[in-house]
C-alpha atoms as a PDB file:
ATOM      1  CA  MET A   1    -118.067  73.959 238.097  1.00  0.00           C
ATOM      2  CA  GLU A   2    -120.932  75.177 237.016  1.00  0.00           C
ATOM      3  CA  SER A   3    -124.681  74.594 237.900  1.00  0.00           C
ATOM      4  CA  LYS A   4    -126.746  71.869 237.104  1.00  0.00           C
ATOM      5  CA  VAL A   5    -129.806  73.627 238.117  1.00  0.00           C
ATOM      6  CA  PRO A   6    -131.926  73.755 235.160  1.00  0.00           C
ATOM      7  CA  SER A   7    -133.336  77.355 233.630  1.00  0.00           C
ATOM      8  CA  LYS A   8    -137.107  78.408 233.906  1.00  0.00           C
ATOM      9  CA  ALA A   9    -137.110  80.560 231.350  1.00  0.00           C
ATOM     10  CA  PRO A  10    -138.414  78.884 228.935  1.00  0.00           C
ATOM     11  CA  ALA A  11    -141.125  77.352 231.019  1.00  0.00           C
ATOM     12  CA  ARG A  12    -142.314  80.812 232.053  1.00  0.00           C
ATOM     13  CA  GLY A  13    -142.535  81.908 228.329  1.00  0.00           C
ATOM     14  CA  ILE A  14    -144.578  78.847 228.002  1.00  0.00           C
ATOM     15  CA  TRP A  15    -146.894  80.148 230.853  1.00  0.00           C
ATOM     16  CA  GLY A  16    -146.369  83.008 229.518  1.00  0.00           C
ATOM     17  CA  TYR A  17    -147.955  82.768 225.830  1.00  0.00           C
ATOM     18  CA  ALA A  18    -150.637  80.241 228.116  1.00  0.00           C
ATOM     19  CA  LEU A  19    -151.854  82.607 230.459  1.00  0.00           C
ATOM     20  CA  LEU A  20    -152.026  85.549 226.437  1.00  0.00           C
ATOM     21  CA  GLY A  21    -153.900  82.894 225.025  1.00  0.00           C
ATOM     22  CA  LEU A  22    -156.196  82.258 227.966  1.00  0.00           C
ATOM     23  CA  GLY A  23    -157.227  86.284 228.157  1.00  0.00           C
ATOM     24  CA  PHE A  24    -157.306  86.499 224.754  1.00  0.00           C
ATOM     25  CA  VAL A  25    -160.554  83.855 225.281  1.00  0.00           C
ATOM     26  CA  PHE A  26    -162.218  86.500 228.031  1.00  0.00           C
ATOM     27  CA  CYS A  27    -161.387  89.292 226.315  1.00  0.00           C
ATOM     28  CA  PRO A  28    -164.591  91.158 226.637  1.00  0.00           C
ATOM     29  CA  CYS A  29    -165.099  91.956 223.473  1.00  0.00           C
ATOM     30  CA  HIS A  30    -165.346  88.411 222.579  1.00  0.00           C
ATOM     31  CA  LEU A  31    -168.870  87.890 224.972  1.00  0.00           C
ATOM     32  CA  PRO A  32    -171.171  88.446 221.618  1.00  0.00           C
ATOM     33  CA  ILE A  33    -169.786  85.355 220.314  1.00  0.00           C
ATOM     34  CA  THR A  34    -168.649  83.262 223.620  1.00  0.00           C
ATOM     35  CA  LEU A  35    -171.799  83.578 225.592  1.00  0.00           C
ATOM     36  CA  PRO A  36    -173.898  82.312 223.276  1.00  0.00           C
ATOM     37  CA  LEU A  37    -172.225  79.822 223.022  1.00  0.00           C
ATOM     38  CA  LEU A  38    -171.271  78.764 225.799  1.00  0.00           C
ATOM     39  CA  ALA A  39    -174.986  79.172 226.941  1.00  0.00           C
ATOM     40  CA  ALA A  40    -175.499  76.319 223.220  1.00  0.00           C
ATOM     41  CA  TRP A  41    -172.961  74.601 225.128  1.00  0.00           C
ATOM     42  CA  LEU A  42    -174.596  74.627 228.817  1.00  0.00           C
ATOM     43  CA  GLY A  43    -178.078  74.520 227.631  1.00  0.00           C
ATOM     44  CA  GLY A  44    -180.677  73.453 230.325  1.00  0.00           C
ATOM     45  CA  THR A  45    -178.526  73.884 232.682  1.00  0.00           C
ATOM     46  CA  ALA A  46    -178.868  75.758 235.605  1.00  0.00           C
ATOM     47  CA  PHE A  47    -175.769  78.002 235.248  1.00  0.00           C
ATOM     48  CA  THR A  48    -177.189  78.712 231.557  1.00  0.00           C
ATOM     49  CA  GLY A  49    -179.833  80.368 234.043  1.00  0.00           C
ATOM     50  CA  PHE A  50    -177.571  82.032 235.634  1.00  0.00           C
ATOM     51  CA  LEU A  51    -175.487  83.587 232.663  1.00  0.00           C
ATOM     52  CA  ASN A  52    -178.336  85.535 231.240  1.00  0.00           C
ATOM     53  CA  THR A  53    -179.472  87.228 234.677  1.00  0.00           C
ATOM     54  CA  ASN A  54    -176.166  88.102 235.354  1.00  0.00           C
ATOM     55  CA  PHE A  55    -174.708  89.994 231.899  1.00  0.00           C
ATOM     56  CA  ALA A  56    -172.973  92.708 234.308  1.00  0.00           C
ATOM     57  CA  LEU A  57    -171.156  89.983 236.628  1.00  0.00           C
ATOM     58  CA  ILE A  58    -169.875  88.443 233.399  1.00  0.00           C
ATOM     59  CA  VAL A  59    -168.901  91.416 232.354  1.00  0.00           C
ATOM     60  CA  ALA A  60    -166.866  92.597 235.553  1.00  0.00           C
ATOM     61  CA  VAL A  61    -164.818  88.778 235.769  1.00  0.00           C
ATOM     62  CA  SER A  62    -164.187  88.517 232.317  1.00  0.00           C
ATOM     63  CA  THR A  63    -162.836  91.608 232.092  1.00  0.00           C
ATOM     64  CA  VAL A  64    -160.635  91.445 235.711  1.00  0.00           C
ATOM     65  CA  LEU A  65    -159.687  88.156 233.882  1.00  0.00           C
ATOM     66  CA  PHE A  66    -158.547  89.800 230.927  1.00  0.00           C
ATOM     67  CA  LEU A  67    -156.580  92.617 232.583  1.00  0.00           C
ATOM     68  CA  GLY A  68    -154.961  89.775 234.840  1.00  0.00           C
ATOM     69  CA  MET A  69    -154.102  87.038 232.396  1.00  0.00           C
ATOM     70  CA  MET A  70    -152.793  89.823 230.031  1.00  0.00           C
ATOM     71  CA  GLY A  71    -150.509  91.676 232.592  1.00  0.00           C
ATOM     72  CA  ILE A  72    -149.126  88.634 233.836  1.00  0.00           C
ATOM     73  CA  GLY A  73    -148.348  86.595 231.672  1.00  0.00           C
ATOM     74  CA  TRP A  74    -147.019  90.268 229.097  1.00  0.00           C
ATOM     75  CA  TRP A  75    -144.703  90.887 232.495  1.00  0.00           C
ATOM     76  CA  MET A  76    -143.785  86.290 232.292  1.00  0.00           C
ATOM     77  CA  ILE A  77    -142.587  86.982 228.430  1.00  0.00           C
ATOM     78  CA  SER A  78    -140.777  90.634 228.600  1.00  0.00           C
ATOM     79  CA  ARG A  79    -139.025  89.797 231.830  1.00  0.00           C
ATOM     80  CA  GLN A  80    -135.185  88.810 231.254  1.00  0.00           C
ATOM     81  CA  PRO A  81    -133.622  85.942 232.473  1.00  0.00           C
ATOM     82  CA  ALA A  82    -131.817  86.702 236.037  1.00  0.00           C
ATOM     83  CA  CYS A  83    -128.257  86.459 235.667  1.00  0.00           C
ATOM     84  CA  GLU A  84    -125.860  84.294 238.130  1.00  0.00           C
ATOM     85  CA  VAL A  85    -122.649  84.957 239.296  1.00  0.00           C
ATOM     86  CA  PRO A  86    -120.982  82.568 241.062  1.00  0.00           C
ATOM     87  CA  ALA A  87    -119.358  84.606 243.883  1.00  0.00           C
ATOM     88  CA  GLY A  88    -115.356  83.855 244.081  1.00  0.00           C
ATOM     89  CA  LYS A  89    -115.631  80.242 241.405  1.00  0.00           C
ATOM     90  CA  LEU A  90    -113.364  80.606 238.628  1.00  0.00           C
ATOM     91  CA  ARG A  91    -114.488  80.558 235.556  1.00  0.00           C
ATOM     92  CA  SER A  92    -112.617  78.240 233.395  1.00  0.00           C
ATOM     93  CA  ARG A  93    -111.714  79.091 229.385  1.00  0.00           C
ATOM     94  CA  SER A  94    -109.810  74.844 229.169  1.00  0.00           C
ATOM     95  CA  VAL A  95    -112.882  74.674 227.607  1.00  0.00           C
ATOM     96  CA  VAL A  96    -111.994  76.687 224.357  1.00  0.00           C
ATOM     97  CA  ASN A  97    -108.447  76.516 224.857  1.00  0.00           C
ATOM     98  CA  PRO A  98    -106.242  73.193 227.493  1.00  0.00           C
ATOM     99  CA  LYS A  99    -103.407  76.145 227.533  1.00  0.00           C
ATOM    100  CA  ILE A 100    -104.909  78.876 228.942  1.00  0.00           C
ATOM    101  CA  LYS A 101    -104.848  78.747 232.431  1.00  0.00           C
ATOM    102  CA  GLU A 102    -107.947  79.520 235.082  1.00  0.00           C
ATOM    103  CA  ILE A 103    -108.554  83.008 236.045  1.00  0.00           C
ATOM    104  CA  PRO A 104    -110.336  84.319 238.914  1.00  0.00           C
ATOM    105  CA  TYR A 105    -113.489  86.546 238.458  1.00  0.00           C
ATOM    106  CA  GLY A 106    -112.593  90.390 238.704  1.00  0.00           C
ATOM    107  CA  THR A 107    -108.911  89.956 237.786  1.00  0.00           C
ATOM    108  CA  LYS A 108    -107.229  91.056 234.367  1.00  0.00           C
ATOM    109  CA  GLU A 109    -105.582  88.519 232.615  1.00  0.00           C
END
């Protein structure tokens, strides 16, 4: 009998690609483009003044976010799925050929 538990590998891949995309957006080399756009979008707010006065802090936070998101995203995508081996269970060949009997794991035919 096979397990009906869904695999988490597809979700891990989706989240991995999402983190890579966000990491690309937070890359410090994009700050000359993204920071003025963010300041224009938030024009006249107190947060815009914070962005203008604390540029070094913004670069440091952006660098940490970029490295963290890229590292975790890459790890999530490149990680191999775990191989589930049911201990003591029988493997069935009756799906392929109903005339073949079930054989315990670890035994030769």
